[in-house]
Amino acid sequence: MLLRSIETFLRAHAMPATKFGRLAAQDPRFVLDLRMGRVPRHDTEMRTRAWMQGYDAGTADAALAESEEMA
């Protein structure tokens, strides 16, 4: 379920729902609408999931680069 994945992502990254919506879907109300029962189209769900995976990869890459700089 997309909303459950998003909620987990928001907690893990301490990100507000509106910021997530703005970055992932260009819609600050995206998460709020999902919480109210909005059902996204398949393409929207796939783009959102891909964005979350890319964000996690980018965060991991940044942490790795930071740790290499300190060494």
C-alpha atoms as a PDB file:
ATOM      1  CA  MET A   1       0.000   0.000   0.000  1.00  0.00           C
ATOM      2  CA  LEU A   2       1.502   3.313  -1.105  1.00  0.00           C
ATOM      3  CA  LEU A   3       0.323   5.376   1.854  1.00  0.00           C
ATOM      4  CA  ARG A   4       1.911   2.974   4.346  1.00  0.00           C
ATOM      5  CA  SER A   5       5.232   3.180   2.464  1.00  0.00           C
ATOM      6  CA  ILE A   6       5.050   6.964   2.416  1.00  0.00           C
ATOM      7  CA  GLU A   7       4.252   7.179   6.138  1.00  0.00           C
ATOM      8  CA  THR A   8       7.263   4.952   6.893  1.00  0.00           C
ATOM      9  CA  PHE A   9       9.435   7.126   4.650  1.00  0.00           C
ATOM     10  CA  LEU A  10       8.226  10.306   6.344  1.00  0.00           C
ATOM     11  CA  ARG A  11       9.068   8.953   9.801  1.00  0.00           C
ATOM     12  CA  ALA A  12      12.461   7.623   8.692  1.00  0.00           C
ATOM     13  CA  HIS A  13      13.478  10.958   7.169  1.00  0.00           C
ATOM     14  CA  ALA A  14      11.625  13.283   9.570  1.00  0.00           C
ATOM     15  CA  MET A  15      10.045  14.923   6.544  1.00  0.00           C
ATOM     16  CA  PRO A  16       6.757  16.836   6.611  1.00  0.00           C
ATOM     17  CA  ALA A  17       3.987  15.458   4.400  1.00  0.00           C
ATOM     18  CA  THR A  18       3.721  18.683   2.415  1.00  0.00           C
ATOM     19  CA  LYS A  19       7.436  18.711   1.601  1.00  0.00           C
ATOM     20  CA  PHE A  20       7.222  15.097   0.455  1.00  0.00           C
ATOM     21  CA  GLY A  21       4.266  15.881  -1.769  1.00  0.00           C
ATOM     22  CA  ARG A  22       6.005  18.910  -3.264  1.00  0.00           C
ATOM     23  CA  LEU A  23       9.207  16.975  -4.002  1.00  0.00           C
ATOM     24  CA  ALA A  24       7.763  13.625  -5.064  1.00  0.00           C
ATOM     25  CA  ALA A  25       4.549  14.611  -6.843  1.00  0.00           C
ATOM     26  CA  GLN A  26       4.727  18.395  -7.308  1.00  0.00           C
ATOM     27  CA  ASP A  27       1.611  18.550  -5.138  1.00  0.00           C
ATOM     28  CA  PRO A  28       1.935  19.662  -1.510  1.00  0.00           C
ATOM     29  CA  ARG A  29      -1.477  18.110  -0.720  1.00  0.00           C
ATOM     30  CA  PHE A  30      -0.573  14.711  -2.197  1.00  0.00           C
ATOM     31  CA  VAL A  31      -0.061  12.872   1.119  1.00  0.00           C
ATOM     32  CA  LEU A  32      -2.917  14.684   2.810  1.00  0.00           C
ATOM     33  CA  ASP A  33      -5.226  13.657  -0.046  1.00  0.00           C
ATOM     34  CA  LEU A  34      -4.019  10.038   0.189  1.00  0.00           C
ATOM     35  CA  ARG A  35      -4.805  10.103   3.901  1.00  0.00           C
ATOM     36  CA  MET A  36      -8.333  11.240   3.001  1.00  0.00           C
ATOM     37  CA  GLY A  37      -8.839   8.329   0.608  1.00  0.00           C
ATOM     38  CA  ARG A  38      -7.416   9.529  -2.714  1.00  0.00           C
ATOM     39  CA  VAL A  39      -6.338   6.614  -4.897  1.00  0.00           C
ATOM     40  CA  PRO A  40      -3.433   7.517  -7.176  1.00  0.00           C
ATOM     41  CA  ARG A  41      -3.132   6.242 -10.714  1.00  0.00           C
ATOM     42  CA  HIS A  42      -0.702   3.379 -11.297  1.00  0.00           C
ATOM     43  CA  ASP A  43       1.834   5.650 -13.023  1.00  0.00           C
ATOM     44  CA  THR A  44       1.723   8.133 -10.143  1.00  0.00           C
ATOM     45  CA  GLU A  45       2.292   5.350  -7.627  1.00  0.00           C
ATOM     46  CA  MET A  46       5.251   3.980  -9.599  1.00  0.00           C
ATOM     47  CA  ARG A  47       6.839   7.445  -9.941  1.00  0.00           C
ATOM     48  CA  THR A  48       6.382   8.070  -6.214  1.00  0.00           C
ATOM     49  CA  ARG A  49       7.935   4.729  -5.271  1.00  0.00           C
ATOM     50  CA  ALA A  50      10.851   5.367  -7.649  1.00  0.00           C
ATOM     51  CA  TRP A  51      11.361   8.825  -6.127  1.00  0.00           C
ATOM     52  CA  MET A  52      11.489   7.349  -2.612  1.00  0.00           C
ATOM     53  CA  GLN A  53      14.027   4.732  -3.705  1.00  0.00           C
ATOM     54  CA  GLY A  54      16.138   7.384  -5.397  1.00  0.00           C
ATOM     55  CA  TYR A  55      15.974   9.608  -2.323  1.00  0.00           C
ATOM     56  CA  ASP A  56      17.124   6.741  -0.106  1.00  0.00           C
ATOM     57  CA  ALA A  57      19.970   5.959  -2.510  1.00  0.00           C
ATOM     58  CA  GLY A  58      20.966   9.625  -2.599  1.00  0.00           C
ATOM     59  CA  THR A  59      20.933   9.796   1.190  1.00  0.00           C
ATOM     60  CA  ALA A  60      23.094   6.679   1.416  1.00  0.00           C
ATOM     61  CA  ASP A  61      25.515   8.050  -1.199  1.00  0.00           C
ATOM     62  CA  ALA A  62      25.790  11.356   0.679  1.00  0.00           C
ATOM     63  CA  ALA A  63      26.468   9.567   3.975  1.00  0.00           C
ATOM     64  CA  LEU A  64      29.141   7.419   2.333  1.00  0.00           C
ATOM     65  CA  ALA A  65      30.826  10.443   0.759  1.00  0.00           C
ATOM     66  CA  GLU A  66      30.758  12.261   4.106  1.00  0.00           C
ATOM     67  CA  SER A  67      32.335   9.331   5.936  1.00  0.00           C
ATOM     68  CA  GLU A  68      35.066   9.061   3.276  1.00  0.00           C
ATOM     69  CA  GLU A  69      35.860  12.774   3.636  1.00  0.00           C
ATOM     70  CA  MET A  70      36.324  12.373   7.390  1.00  0.00           C
ATOM     71  CA  ALA A  71      38.689   9.403   7.005  1.00  0.00           C
END
